[in-house]
Amino acid sequence: MDKRKVILLVCALLIAAVTAFMARSMFAGGDAAPKAVAQKPVPTGPKVIVATRSLPVGTILTADAIRYQPWPSELIEAAYFIQKEGEPDATSNLIGTVVRNNITAGQPVTQGSLVSPGDRGFLAAALGPGMRAVSVPVSALTGVAGFVFPGDRVDLVLTQNVNGAGTGQSLKVSETVIRNLRVLATDQRSTPSVDAEGKTKPSKYRLVTLEVTPRLAEKIAVAQTIGTLSLSLRALADNAAELEQALASGEVKVPNGATREEEEKFLTSIEKQPVAGPSTYATGGDVSRFQRRTPPATTPVQIAAEQIKVEKQIEKVRRGSIVRVSRAGSVEEVNVDRR
């Protein structure tokens, strides 16, 4: 065989061998990479309290808002709530505190980011942006027998007597003036009372502090001078149901082009807003047929018409039921009741 051909054949074999080796190395490296990525390092440091969801300013912490999570030792800060061996769970001590600074989901909760009940500025931190706190006097009858707790949502019902200028009977009426108000505190307590077993128990209180807008604060101040204010406790599912109805009717519209997070944030803000629009009412006539359904007379003309109406009713009762009987061309009025 020609020597030149032999050299070319050997070179071709060497090139093929090198190419095969490089290809094998590349495929082997590709298989190993995913395995290395799949192995996620597990934190072995101490456990700290972190937020399970985004907690904006003014959020009152609940049991499902925080939890313990392992955290790298080199990233531990003195302001973190660290779980110590032999000590009880500290998350229960944070329930009812208010977020002073925004906390993102998964971020450790720091001691300076929370305000505890009784601390200076607690109520101001609990208020949402642009909101105000207003206290309303209540009793066991008007305060749902003590079953309203901080964090609940209530409606405000105004009961009053509408008097006229005449001597007629006044109109008794109750009206739901404001809906979906958040309870901030009862008396000077911003957390529910608990018994020896840790269960929430109703308690007597004389004042309820509500979160309102500046305009609603003015309305509530006037309402207290008109009549008696009562609280009506709302169900937890009411807000979601009313929001769905508003979306279906087109009363509330989600901004175009909003992301899912922006849409959820928008709907949450709408769901928490108090409402002071047209509402239901009941008069004394809806409860008893012996009460009025319409306001009493207020002007001289109305008073005169009211008196004439009353006199006719009295005369009708005095005369009883009158039946006209025709006999031989003559008409005679017969009082059936008297016979």
C-alpha atoms as a PDB file:
ATOM      1  CA  MET A   1       0.000   0.000   0.000  1.00  0.00           C
ATOM      2  CA  ASP A   2       1.183   3.467  -0.713  1.00  0.00           C
ATOM      3  CA  LYS A   3       2.882   5.074   2.302  1.00  0.00           C
ATOM      4  CA  ARG A   4       1.000   8.310   1.749  1.00  0.00           C
ATOM      5  CA  LYS A   5      -2.369   6.569   1.877  1.00  0.00           C
ATOM      6  CA  VAL A   6      -1.408   4.856   5.139  1.00  0.00           C
ATOM      7  CA  ILE A   7      -0.543   8.191   6.770  1.00  0.00           C
ATOM      8  CA  LEU A   8      -3.857   9.720   5.647  1.00  0.00           C
ATOM      9  CA  LEU A   9      -5.798   6.723   7.012  1.00  0.00           C
ATOM     10  CA  VAL A  10      -4.055   6.933  10.393  1.00  0.00           C
ATOM     11  CA  CYS A  11      -4.769  10.686  10.610  1.00  0.00           C
ATOM     12  CA  ALA A  12      -8.436  10.075   9.786  1.00  0.00           C
ATOM     13  CA  LEU A  13      -8.688   7.453  12.529  1.00  0.00           C
ATOM     14  CA  LEU A  14      -7.107   9.821  15.076  1.00  0.00           C
ATOM     15  CA  ILE A  15      -9.476  12.635  14.158  1.00  0.00           C
ATOM     16  CA  ALA A  16     -12.495  10.297  14.479  1.00  0.00           C
ATOM     17  CA  ALA A  17     -11.281   9.080  17.889  1.00  0.00           C
ATOM     18  CA  VAL A  18     -10.789  12.638  19.195  1.00  0.00           C
ATOM     19  CA  THR A  19     -14.199  13.683  17.889  1.00  0.00           C
ATOM     20  CA  ALA A  20     -15.894  10.706  19.550  1.00  0.00           C
ATOM     21  CA  PHE A  21     -14.159  11.429  22.860  1.00  0.00           C
ATOM     22  CA  MET A  22     -15.194  15.096  22.800  1.00  0.00           C
ATOM     23  CA  ALA A  23     -18.793  14.227  21.960  1.00  0.00           C
ATOM     24  CA  ARG A  24     -18.940  11.733  24.820  1.00  0.00           C
ATOM     25  CA  SER A  25     -17.568  14.330  27.234  1.00  0.00           C
ATOM     26  CA  MET A  26     -20.169  16.869  26.126  1.00  0.00           C
ATOM     27  CA  PHE A  27     -23.125  14.463  26.598  1.00  0.00           C
ATOM     28  CA  ALA A  28     -21.799  13.300  29.951  1.00  0.00           C
ATOM     29  CA  GLY A  29     -21.470  16.923  31.120  1.00  0.00           C
ATOM     30  CA  GLY A  30     -25.030  17.715  29.967  1.00  0.00           C
ATOM     31  CA  ASP A  31     -26.434  14.836  32.038  1.00  0.00           C
ATOM     32  CA  ALA A  32     -24.558  15.891  35.159  1.00  0.00           C
ATOM     33  CA  ALA A  33     -25.628  19.560  35.060  1.00  0.00           C
ATOM     34  CA  PRO A  34     -29.333  19.027  35.768  1.00  0.00           C
ATOM     35  CA  LYS A  35     -28.479  16.748  38.685  1.00  0.00           C
ATOM     36  CA  ALA A  36     -26.350  19.470  40.231  1.00  0.00           C
ATOM     37  CA  VAL A  37     -29.133  22.075  39.746  1.00  0.00           C
ATOM     38  CA  ALA A  38     -31.818  19.745  41.091  1.00  0.00           C
ATOM     39  CA  GLN A  39     -30.012  19.380  44.391  1.00  0.00           C
ATOM     40  CA  LYS A  40     -31.208  22.398  46.342  1.00  0.00           C
ATOM     41  CA  PRO A  41     -29.230  23.280  49.455  1.00  0.00           C
ATOM     42  CA  VAL A  42     -31.272  22.928  52.632  1.00  0.00           C
ATOM     43  CA  PRO A  43     -30.722  25.719  55.183  1.00  0.00           C
ATOM     44  CA  THR A  44     -29.319  24.330  58.392  1.00  0.00           C
ATOM     45  CA  GLY A  45     -29.236  27.546  60.412  1.00  0.00           C
ATOM     46  CA  PRO A  46     -31.593  28.603  63.232  1.00  0.00           C
ATOM     47  CA  LYS A  47     -35.282  29.149  62.608  1.00  0.00           C
ATOM     48  CA  VAL A  48     -36.636  32.700  62.342  1.00  0.00           C
ATOM     49  CA  ILE A  49     -40.156  34.083  61.939  1.00  0.00           C
ATOM     50  CA  VAL A  50     -40.946  35.014  58.316  1.00  0.00           C
ATOM     51  CA  ALA A  51     -44.053  36.365  56.563  1.00  0.00           C
ATOM     52  CA  THR A  52     -46.138  33.790  54.700  1.00  0.00           C
ATOM     53  CA  ARG A  53     -47.618  36.501  52.453  1.00  0.00           C
ATOM     54  CA  SER A  54     -47.139  40.166  51.661  1.00  0.00           C
ATOM     55  CA  LEU A  55     -47.922  42.289  54.745  1.00  0.00           C
ATOM     56  CA  PRO A  56     -48.555  45.974  53.941  1.00  0.00           C
ATOM     57  CA  VAL A  57     -48.472  48.746  56.531  1.00  0.00           C
ATOM     58  CA  GLY A  58     -51.413  48.580  58.953  1.00  0.00           C
ATOM     59  CA  THR A  59     -51.939  44.793  58.695  1.00  0.00           C
ATOM     60  CA  ILE A  60     -53.036  43.187  61.956  1.00  0.00           C
ATOM     61  CA  LEU A  61     -51.093  39.917  62.239  1.00  0.00           C
ATOM     62  CA  THR A  62     -53.055  36.667  62.381  1.00  0.00           C
ATOM     63  CA  ALA A  63     -51.875  33.099  62.959  1.00  0.00           C
ATOM     64  CA  ASP A  64     -51.668  32.328  59.219  1.00  0.00           C
ATOM     65  CA  ALA A  65     -49.555  35.417  58.404  1.00  0.00           C
ATOM     66  CA  ILE A  66     -46.271  34.236  59.959  1.00  0.00           C
ATOM     67  CA  ARG A  67     -44.321  30.991  60.521  1.00  0.00           C
ATOM     68  CA  TYR A  68     -40.874  29.700  61.476  1.00  0.00           C
ATOM     69  CA  GLN A  69     -38.362  28.922  58.728  1.00  0.00           C
ATOM     70  CA  PRO A  70     -34.664  27.873  58.815  1.00  0.00           C
ATOM     71  CA  TRP A  71     -32.328  30.735  57.933  1.00  0.00           C
ATOM     72  CA  PRO A  72     -28.599  30.723  57.049  1.00  0.00           C
ATOM     73  CA  SER A  73     -26.471  31.403  60.138  1.00  0.00           C
ATOM     74  CA  GLU A  74     -24.301  33.996  58.386  1.00  0.00           C
ATOM     75  CA  LEU A  75     -27.419  36.082  57.526  1.00  0.00           C
ATOM     76  CA  ILE A  76     -28.935  36.150  61.021  1.00  0.00           C
ATOM     77  CA  GLU A  77     -29.571  39.632  62.446  1.00  0.00           C
ATOM     78  CA  ALA A  78     -30.165  40.578  66.067  1.00  0.00           C
ATOM     79  CA  ALA A  79     -33.558  42.134  65.161  1.00  0.00           C
ATOM     80  CA  TYR A  80     -34.971  38.777  63.947  1.00  0.00           C
ATOM     81  CA  PHE A  81     -37.343  36.678  66.059  1.00  0.00           C
ATOM     82  CA  ILE A  82     -35.193  33.560  66.539  1.00  0.00           C
ATOM     83  CA  GLN A  83     -36.555  30.278  67.894  1.00  0.00           C
ATOM     84  CA  LYS A  84     -34.572  29.137  70.913  1.00  0.00           C
ATOM     85  CA  GLU A  85     -34.373  25.596  72.222  1.00  0.00           C
ATOM     86  CA  GLY A  86     -36.626  24.829  75.165  1.00  0.00           C
ATOM     87  CA  GLU A  87     -38.671  28.018  74.737  1.00  0.00           C
ATOM     88  CA  PRO A  88     -42.359  28.071  73.635  1.00  0.00           C
ATOM     89  CA  ASP A  89     -43.482  29.150  70.178  1.00  0.00           C
ATOM     90  CA  ALA A  90     -43.220  32.943  69.999  1.00  0.00           C
ATOM     91  CA  THR A  91     -45.568  33.381  67.021  1.00  0.00           C
ATOM     92  CA  SER A  92     -48.611  33.425  69.327  1.00  0.00           C
ATOM     93  CA  ASN A  93     -47.180  36.501  71.084  1.00  0.00           C
ATOM     94  CA  LEU A  94     -47.132  38.412  67.782  1.00  0.00           C
ATOM     95  CA  ILE A  95     -50.786  37.798  66.908  1.00  0.00           C
ATOM     96  CA  GLY A  96     -52.667  41.101  67.158  1.00  0.00           C
ATOM     97  CA  THR A  97     -49.614  43.274  66.543  1.00  0.00           C
ATOM     98  CA  VAL A  98     -49.634  45.747  63.650  1.00  0.00           C
ATOM     99  CA  VAL A  99     -47.156  46.011  60.785  1.00  0.00           C
ATOM    100  CA  ARG A 100     -45.333  49.360  60.850  1.00  0.00           C
ATOM    101  CA  ASN A 101     -43.190  48.781  57.697  1.00  0.00           C
ATOM    102  CA  ASN A 102     -44.009  46.754  54.570  1.00  0.00           C
ATOM    103  CA  ILE A 103     -42.919  43.097  54.772  1.00  0.00           C
ATOM    104  CA  THR A 104     -42.707  41.003  51.608  1.00  0.00           C
ATOM    105  CA  ALA A 105     -43.605  37.296  51.495  1.00  0.00           C
ATOM    106  CA  GLY A 106     -40.750  35.111  52.801  1.00  0.00           C
ATOM    107  CA  GLN A 107     -38.936  38.050  54.433  1.00  0.00           C
ATOM    108  CA  PRO A 108     -37.924  37.749  58.118  1.00  0.00           C
ATOM    109  CA  VAL A 109     -40.053  39.783  60.503  1.00  0.00           C
ATOM    110  CA  THR A 110     -38.006  42.253  62.525  1.00  0.00           C
ATOM    111  CA  GLN A 111     -38.817  43.603  65.955  1.00  0.00           C
ATOM    112  CA  GLY A 112     -38.860  47.187  64.691  1.00  0.00           C
ATOM    113  CA  SER A 113     -41.396  46.405  61.956  1.00  0.00           C
ATOM    114  CA  LEU A 114     -44.197  45.623  64.442  1.00  0.00           C
ATOM    115  CA  VAL A 115     -46.162  47.691  66.945  1.00  0.00           C
ATOM    116  CA  SER A 116     -47.762  45.915  69.914  1.00  0.00           C
ATOM    117  CA  PRO A 117     -51.116  46.861  71.474  1.00  0.00           C
ATOM    118  CA  GLY A 118     -50.570  49.522  74.106  1.00  0.00           C
ATOM    119  CA  ASP A 119     -47.430  50.882  72.449  1.00  0.00           C
ATOM    120  CA  ARG A 120     -47.306  54.490  71.386  1.00  0.00           C
ATOM    121  CA  GLY A 121     -48.534  54.875  67.812  1.00  0.00           C
ATOM    122  CA  PHE A 122     -50.264  51.474  67.713  1.00  0.00           C
ATOM    123  CA  LEU A 123     -53.632  52.808  66.546  1.00  0.00           C
ATOM    124  CA  ALA A 124     -52.035  55.146  64.005  1.00  0.00           C
ATOM    125  CA  ALA A 125     -50.101  52.215  62.552  1.00  0.00           C
ATOM    126  CA  ALA A 126     -53.261  50.097  62.347  1.00  0.00           C
ATOM    127  CA  LEU A 127     -55.015  52.702  60.202  1.00  0.00           C
ATOM    128  CA  GLY A 128     -54.837  52.399  56.430  1.00  0.00           C
ATOM    129  CA  PRO A 129     -53.583  55.308  54.294  1.00  0.00           C
ATOM    130  CA  GLY A 130     -56.037  58.207  54.374  1.00  0.00           C
ATOM    131  CA  MET A 131     -58.237  56.572  57.040  1.00  0.00           C
ATOM    132  CA  ARG A 132     -59.345  57.862  60.456  1.00  0.00           C
ATOM    133  CA  ALA A 133     -60.356  56.293  63.776  1.00  0.00           C
ATOM    134  CA  VAL A 134     -63.750  57.108  65.315  1.00  0.00           C
ATOM    135  CA  SER A 135     -65.199  55.795  68.596  1.00  0.00           C
ATOM    136  CA  VAL A 136     -68.903  54.976  68.917  1.00  0.00           C
ATOM    137  CA  PRO A 137     -70.674  54.395  72.265  1.00  0.00           C
ATOM    138  CA  VAL A 138     -72.408  51.014  72.501  1.00  0.00           C
ATOM    139  CA  SER A 139     -74.122  48.826  75.069  1.00  0.00           C
ATOM    140  CA  ALA A 140     -74.791  45.115  75.388  1.00  0.00           C
ATOM    141  CA  LEU A 141     -77.906  45.656  73.242  1.00  0.00           C
ATOM    142  CA  THR A 142     -76.368  47.850  70.524  1.00  0.00           C
ATOM    143  CA  GLY A 143     -72.951  46.111  70.519  1.00  0.00           C
ATOM    144  CA  VAL A 144     -74.057  42.541  69.596  1.00  0.00           C
ATOM    145  CA  ALA A 145     -73.757  41.456  73.252  1.00  0.00           C
ATOM    146  CA  GLY A 146     -69.967  41.729  73.211  1.00  0.00           C
ATOM    147  CA  PHE A 147     -69.456  39.366  70.281  1.00  0.00           C
ATOM    148  CA  VAL A 148     -67.734  42.046  68.151  1.00  0.00           C
ATOM    149  CA  PHE A 149     -63.932  41.758  68.263  1.00  0.00           C
ATOM    150  CA  PRO A 150     -61.056  43.811  66.795  1.00  0.00           C
ATOM    151  CA  GLY A 151     -60.635  42.917  63.124  1.00  0.00           C
ATOM    152  CA  ASP A 152     -64.343  42.149  62.564  1.00  0.00           C
ATOM    153  CA  ARG A 153     -66.452  43.975  59.973  1.00  0.00           C
ATOM    154  CA  VAL A 154     -69.717  45.643  60.993  1.00  0.00           C
ATOM    155  CA  ASP A 155     -72.560  47.743  59.615  1.00  0.00           C
ATOM    156  CA  LEU A 156     -73.759  50.879  61.405  1.00  0.00           C
ATOM    157  CA  VAL A 157     -77.531  51.158  62.008  1.00  0.00           C
ATOM    158  CA  LEU A 158     -79.184  54.452  63.036  1.00  0.00           C
ATOM    159  CA  THR A 159     -82.516  54.371  64.904  1.00  0.00           C
ATOM    160  CA  GLN A 160     -84.491  57.597  65.295  1.00  0.00           C
ATOM    161  CA  ASN A 161     -87.928  59.172  65.750  1.00  0.00           C
ATOM    162  CA  VAL A 162     -89.079  61.619  63.059  1.00  0.00           C
ATOM    163  CA  ASN A 163     -91.377  64.211  64.665  1.00  0.00           C
ATOM    164  CA  GLY A 164     -93.642  66.615  62.785  1.00  0.00           C
ATOM    165  CA  ALA A 165     -95.012  70.049  63.650  1.00  0.00           C
ATOM    166  CA  GLY A 166     -98.428  68.619  64.464  1.00  0.00           C
ATOM    167  CA  THR A 167     -99.568  66.445  67.346  1.00  0.00           C
ATOM    168  CA  GLY A 168     -99.660  63.279  65.272  1.00  0.00           C
ATOM    169  CA  GLN A 169     -97.726  60.115  66.012  1.00  0.00           C
ATOM    170  CA  SER A 170     -93.984  60.296  65.210  1.00  0.00           C
ATOM    171  CA  LEU A 171     -92.350  58.025  62.646  1.00  0.00           C
ATOM    172  CA  LYS A 172     -90.038  55.385  64.111  1.00  0.00           C
ATOM    173  CA  VAL A 173     -87.360  54.330  61.625  1.00  0.00           C
ATOM    174  CA  SER A 174     -84.054  52.442  61.554  1.00  0.00           C
ATOM    175  CA  GLU A 175     -81.578  52.739  58.668  1.00  0.00           C
ATOM    176  CA  THR A 176     -78.268  51.110  57.770  1.00  0.00           C
ATOM    177  CA  VAL A 177     -76.208  54.255  57.197  1.00  0.00           C
ATOM    178  CA  ILE A 178     -72.689  52.779  56.670  1.00  0.00           C
ATOM    179  CA  ARG A 179     -71.577  49.266  55.734  1.00  0.00           C
ATOM    180  CA  ASN A 180     -68.330  47.277  55.942  1.00  0.00           C
ATOM    181  CA  LEU A 181     -66.502  49.133  58.727  1.00  0.00           C
ATOM    182  CA  ARG A 182     -63.424  47.529  60.305  1.00  0.00           C
ATOM    183  CA  VAL A 183     -63.312  47.341  64.102  1.00  0.00           C
ATOM    184  CA  LEU A 184     -59.954  48.572  65.409  1.00  0.00           C
ATOM    185  CA  ALA A 185     -60.525  48.245  69.150  1.00  0.00           C
ATOM    186  CA  THR A 186     -63.150  47.695  71.828  1.00  0.00           C
ATOM    187  CA  ASP A 187     -62.754  50.150  74.721  1.00  0.00           C
ATOM    188  CA  GLN A 188     -58.936  50.322  74.997  1.00  0.00           C
ATOM    189  CA  ARG A 189     -58.289  46.742  73.842  1.00  0.00           C
ATOM    190  CA  SER A 190     -57.049  46.100  70.320  1.00  0.00           C
ATOM    191  CA  THR A 191     -56.895  42.305  70.745  1.00  0.00           C
ATOM    192  CA  PRO A 192     -59.741  39.920  71.694  1.00  0.00           C
ATOM    193  CA  SER A 193     -60.002  38.760  75.296  1.00  0.00           C
ATOM    194  CA  VAL A 194     -59.069  35.107  75.905  1.00  0.00           C
ATOM    195  CA  ASP A 195     -59.816  32.717  78.750  1.00  0.00           C
ATOM    196  CA  ALA A 196     -57.439  30.344  80.595  1.00  0.00           C
ATOM    197  CA  GLU A 197     -57.659  27.844  77.717  1.00  0.00           C
ATOM    198  CA  GLY A 198     -56.710  30.473  75.120  1.00  0.00           C
ATOM    199  CA  LYS A 199     -60.209  30.681  73.626  1.00  0.00           C
ATOM    200  CA  THR A 200     -61.712  34.002  72.561  1.00  0.00           C
ATOM    201  CA  LYS A 201     -64.481  35.134  74.886  1.00  0.00           C
ATOM    202  CA  PRO A 202     -67.007  37.978  74.628  1.00  0.00           C
ATOM    203  CA  SER A 203     -66.610  40.872  77.051  1.00  0.00           C
ATOM    204  CA  LYS A 204     -68.532  43.967  78.041  1.00  0.00           C
ATOM    205  CA  TYR A 205     -67.383  47.258  76.572  1.00  0.00           C
ATOM    206  CA  ARG A 206     -68.817  50.750  76.201  1.00  0.00           C
ATOM    207  CA  LEU A 207     -66.861  52.048  73.193  1.00  0.00           C
ATOM    208  CA  VAL A 208     -65.983  50.607  69.794  1.00  0.00           C
ATOM    209  CA  THR A 209     -63.308  52.255  67.632  1.00  0.00           C
ATOM    210  CA  LEU A 210     -63.925  52.013  63.888  1.00  0.00           C
ATOM    211  CA  GLU A 211     -61.778  52.701  60.812  1.00  0.00           C
ATOM    212  CA  VAL A 212     -63.465  55.242  58.528  1.00  0.00           C
ATOM    213  CA  THR A 213     -62.710  57.817  55.863  1.00  0.00           C
ATOM    214  CA  PRO A 214     -62.652  61.528  56.841  1.00  0.00           C
ATOM    215  CA  ARG A 215     -66.063  62.024  55.195  1.00  0.00           C
ATOM    216  CA  LEU A 216     -67.589  59.080  57.068  1.00  0.00           C
ATOM    217  CA  ALA A 217     -66.137  60.393  60.333  1.00  0.00           C
ATOM    218  CA  GLU A 218     -68.208  63.551  59.855  1.00  0.00           C
ATOM    219  CA  LYS A 219     -71.341  61.530  59.092  1.00  0.00           C
ATOM    220  CA  ILE A 220     -70.921  59.364  62.193  1.00  0.00           C
ATOM    221  CA  ALA A 221     -70.442  62.457  64.379  1.00  0.00           C
ATOM    222  CA  VAL A 222     -73.770  63.836  63.106  1.00  0.00           C
ATOM    223  CA  ALA A 223     -75.516  60.456  63.358  1.00  0.00           C
ATOM    224  CA  GLN A 224     -74.720  60.264  67.075  1.00  0.00           C
ATOM    225  CA  THR A 225     -76.718  63.459  67.627  1.00  0.00           C
ATOM    226  CA  ILE A 226     -79.715  62.248  65.614  1.00  0.00           C
ATOM    227  CA  GLY A 227     -80.489  58.953  67.322  1.00  0.00           C
ATOM    228  CA  THR A 228     -79.077  55.688  68.609  1.00  0.00           C
ATOM    229  CA  LEU A 229     -76.298  53.849  66.758  1.00  0.00           C
ATOM    230  CA  SER A 230     -76.169  50.051  66.748  1.00  0.00           C
ATOM    231  CA  LEU A 231     -73.644  47.592  65.340  1.00  0.00           C
ATOM    232  CA  SER A 232     -74.621  44.810  62.959  1.00  0.00           C
ATOM    233  CA  LEU A 233     -71.945  42.100  62.647  1.00  0.00           C
ATOM    234  CA  ARG A 234     -71.131  41.059  59.057  1.00  0.00           C
ATOM    235  CA  ALA A 235     -70.402  37.516  57.917  1.00  0.00           C
ATOM    236  CA  LEU A 236     -66.891  36.750  56.640  1.00  0.00           C
ATOM    237  CA  ALA A 237     -68.263  35.803  53.199  1.00  0.00           C
ATOM    238  CA  ASP A 238     -70.318  38.981  52.725  1.00  0.00           C
ATOM    239  CA  ASN A 239     -67.495  41.075  51.263  1.00  0.00           C
ATOM    240  CA  ALA A 240     -66.573  38.467  48.637  1.00  0.00           C
ATOM    241  CA  ALA A 241     -70.224  37.997  47.632  1.00  0.00           C
ATOM    242  CA  GLU A 242     -70.878  41.744  47.324  1.00  0.00           C
ATOM    243  CA  LEU A 243     -67.679  42.199  45.319  1.00  0.00           C
ATOM    244  CA  GLU A 244     -68.732  39.480  42.871  1.00  0.00           C
ATOM    245  CA  GLN A 245     -72.121  41.166  42.430  1.00  0.00           C
ATOM    246  CA  ALA A 246     -70.443  44.538  41.813  1.00  0.00           C
ATOM    247  CA  LEU A 247     -68.130  42.987  39.194  1.00  0.00           C
ATOM    248  CA  ALA A 248     -71.033  41.208  37.480  1.00  0.00           C
ATOM    249  CA  SER A 249     -73.139  44.383  37.353  1.00  0.00           C
ATOM    250  CA  GLY A 250     -70.253  46.477  36.028  1.00  0.00           C
ATOM    251  CA  GLU A 251     -70.258  48.754  39.085  1.00  0.00           C
ATOM    252  CA  VAL A 252     -66.602  47.816  39.690  1.00  0.00           C
ATOM    253  CA  LYS A 253     -64.247  47.430  36.716  1.00  0.00           C
ATOM    254  CA  VAL A 254     -60.732  46.016  36.829  1.00  0.00           C
ATOM    255  CA  PRO A 255     -58.175  48.301  35.088  1.00  0.00           C
ATOM    256  CA  ASN A 256     -57.251  47.164  31.575  1.00  0.00           C
ATOM    257  CA  GLY A 257     -53.835  45.576  31.168  1.00  0.00           C
ATOM    258  CA  ALA A 258     -53.411  44.878  34.898  1.00  0.00           C
ATOM    259  CA  THR A 259     -51.304  41.881  35.904  1.00  0.00           C
ATOM    260  CA  ARG A 260     -52.683  39.182  38.154  1.00  0.00           C
ATOM    261  CA  GLU A 261     -50.944  40.648  41.206  1.00  0.00           C
ATOM    262  CA  GLU A 262     -52.195  44.149  40.395  1.00  0.00           C
ATOM    263  CA  GLU A 263     -55.710  42.812  39.859  1.00  0.00           C
ATOM    264  CA  GLU A 264     -55.707  40.997  43.207  1.00  0.00           C
ATOM    265  CA  LYS A 265     -54.376  44.096  44.971  1.00  0.00           C
ATOM    266  CA  PHE A 266     -57.087  46.251  43.364  1.00  0.00           C
ATOM    267  CA  LEU A 267     -59.910  43.868  44.286  1.00  0.00           C
ATOM    268  CA  THR A 268     -58.610  43.520  47.856  1.00  0.00           C
ATOM    269  CA  SER A 269     -58.600  47.293  48.307  1.00  0.00           C
ATOM    270  CA  ILE A 270     -62.162  47.550  46.941  1.00  0.00           C
ATOM    271  CA  GLU A 271     -63.320  44.717  49.190  1.00  0.00           C
ATOM    272  CA  LYS A 272     -62.064  46.503  52.318  1.00  0.00           C
ATOM    273  CA  GLN A 273     -63.577  49.904  51.594  1.00  0.00           C
ATOM    274  CA  PRO A 274     -66.508  51.082  53.750  1.00  0.00           C
ATOM    275  CA  VAL A 275     -69.698  51.948  51.887  1.00  0.00           C
ATOM    276  CA  ALA A 276     -72.113  54.789  52.666  1.00  0.00           C
ATOM    277  CA  GLY A 277     -74.426  54.651  49.673  1.00  0.00           C
ATOM    278  CA  PRO A 278     -78.153  53.877  49.362  1.00  0.00           C
ATOM    279  CA  SER A 279     -79.134  51.328  51.982  1.00  0.00           C
ATOM    280  CA  THR A 280     -82.145  49.535  53.405  1.00  0.00           C
ATOM    281  CA  TYR A 281     -84.403  50.887  56.132  1.00  0.00           C
ATOM    282  CA  ALA A 282     -87.445  49.838  58.140  1.00  0.00           C
ATOM    283  CA  THR A 283     -90.242  51.963  59.614  1.00  0.00           C
ATOM    284  CA  GLY A 284     -92.597  51.351  62.485  1.00  0.00           C
ATOM    285  CA  GLY A 285     -95.322  50.421  59.992  1.00  0.00           C
ATOM    286  CA  ASP A 286     -93.157  47.528  58.750  1.00  0.00           C
ATOM    287  CA  VAL A 287     -93.169  46.084  62.272  1.00  0.00           C
ATOM    288  CA  SER A 288     -96.626  46.921  63.579  1.00  0.00           C
ATOM    289  CA  ARG A 289     -99.814  47.984  61.808  1.00  0.00           C
ATOM    290  CA  PHE A 290    -100.436  50.479  64.618  1.00  0.00           C
ATOM    291  CA  GLN A 291     -97.307  52.492  63.700  1.00  0.00           C
ATOM    292  CA  ARG A 292     -96.750  55.036  60.952  1.00  0.00           C
ATOM    293  CA  ARG A 293     -95.210  54.269  57.564  1.00  0.00           C
ATOM    294  CA  THR A 294     -94.763  57.865  56.372  1.00  0.00           C
ATOM    295  CA  PRO A 295     -93.303  60.973  58.062  1.00  0.00           C
ATOM    296  CA  PRO A 296     -95.792  63.089  60.051  1.00  0.00           C
ATOM    297  CA  ALA A 297     -97.042  66.469  58.838  1.00  0.00           C
ATOM    298  CA  THR A 298     -94.529  69.320  58.968  1.00  0.00           C
ATOM    299  CA  THR A 299     -96.296  72.267  57.255  1.00  0.00           C
ATOM    300  CA  PRO A 300     -99.681  73.918  58.040  1.00  0.00           C
ATOM    301  CA  VAL A 301    -101.244  72.439  54.889  1.00  0.00           C
ATOM    302  CA  GLN A 302     -99.978  68.976  55.727  1.00  0.00           C
ATOM    303  CA  ILE A 303    -101.132  69.338  59.332  1.00  0.00           C
ATOM    304  CA  ALA A 304    -104.659  70.289  58.194  1.00  0.00           C
ATOM    305  CA  ALA A 305    -104.798  67.373  55.766  1.00  0.00           C
ATOM    306  CA  GLU A 306    -103.532  65.069  58.503  1.00  0.00           C
ATOM    307  CA  GLN A 307    -106.217  66.227  60.918  1.00  0.00           C
ATOM    308  CA  ILE A 308    -108.971  65.772  58.313  1.00  0.00           C
ATOM    309  CA  LYS A 309    -107.675  62.279  57.601  1.00  0.00           C
ATOM    310  CA  VAL A 310    -107.655  61.409  61.305  1.00  0.00           C
ATOM    311  CA  GLU A 311    -111.158  62.824  61.814  1.00  0.00           C
ATOM    312  CA  LYS A 312    -112.491  60.730  58.941  1.00  0.00           C
ATOM    313  CA  GLN A 313    -110.933  57.618  60.403  1.00  0.00           C
ATOM    314  CA  ILE A 314    -112.437  58.392  63.828  1.00  0.00           C
ATOM    315  CA  GLU A 315    -115.842  59.021  62.288  1.00  0.00           C
ATOM    316  CA  LYS A 316    -115.617  55.785  60.332  1.00  0.00           C
ATOM    317  CA  VAL A 317    -114.840  53.850  63.498  1.00  0.00           C
ATOM    318  CA  ARG A 318    -117.613  55.646  65.411  1.00  0.00           C
ATOM    319  CA  ARG A 319    -120.229  55.000  62.738  1.00  0.00           C
ATOM    320  CA  GLY A 320    -119.109  51.430  62.138  1.00  0.00           C
ATOM    321  CA  SER A 321    -119.701  49.653  58.833  1.00  0.00           C
ATOM    322  CA  ILE A 322    -122.447  51.447  56.854  1.00  0.00           C
ATOM    323  CA  VAL A 323    -124.435  49.564  54.198  1.00  0.00           C
ATOM    324  CA  ARG A 324    -126.889  51.319  51.885  1.00  0.00           C
ATOM    325  CA  VAL A 325    -130.132  49.376  51.453  1.00  0.00           C
ATOM    326  CA  SER A 326    -132.643  50.254  48.701  1.00  0.00           C
ATOM    327  CA  ARG A 327    -136.311  49.494  49.489  1.00  0.00           C
ATOM    328  CA  ALA A 328    -139.178  50.455  47.178  1.00  0.00           C
ATOM    329  CA  GLY A 329    -137.161  53.217  45.613  1.00  0.00           C
ATOM    330  CA  SER A 330    -135.907  54.654  48.917  1.00  0.00           C
ATOM    331  CA  VAL A 331    -132.272  54.320  50.121  1.00  0.00           C
ATOM    332  CA  GLU A 332    -131.524  53.698  53.799  1.00  0.00           C
ATOM    333  CA  GLU A 333    -128.127  53.568  55.525  1.00  0.00           C
ATOM    334  CA  VAL A 334    -127.850  50.664  57.968  1.00  0.00           C
ATOM    335  CA  ASN A 335    -125.056  50.385  60.576  1.00  0.00           C
ATOM    336  CA  VAL A 336    -124.122  46.690  60.400  1.00  0.00           C
ATOM    337  CA  ASP A 337    -121.832  46.766  63.444  1.00  0.00           C
ATOM    338  CA  ARG A 338    -124.495  48.173  65.737  1.00  0.00           C
ATOM    339  CA  ARG A 339    -127.044  45.568  64.673  1.00  0.00           C
END
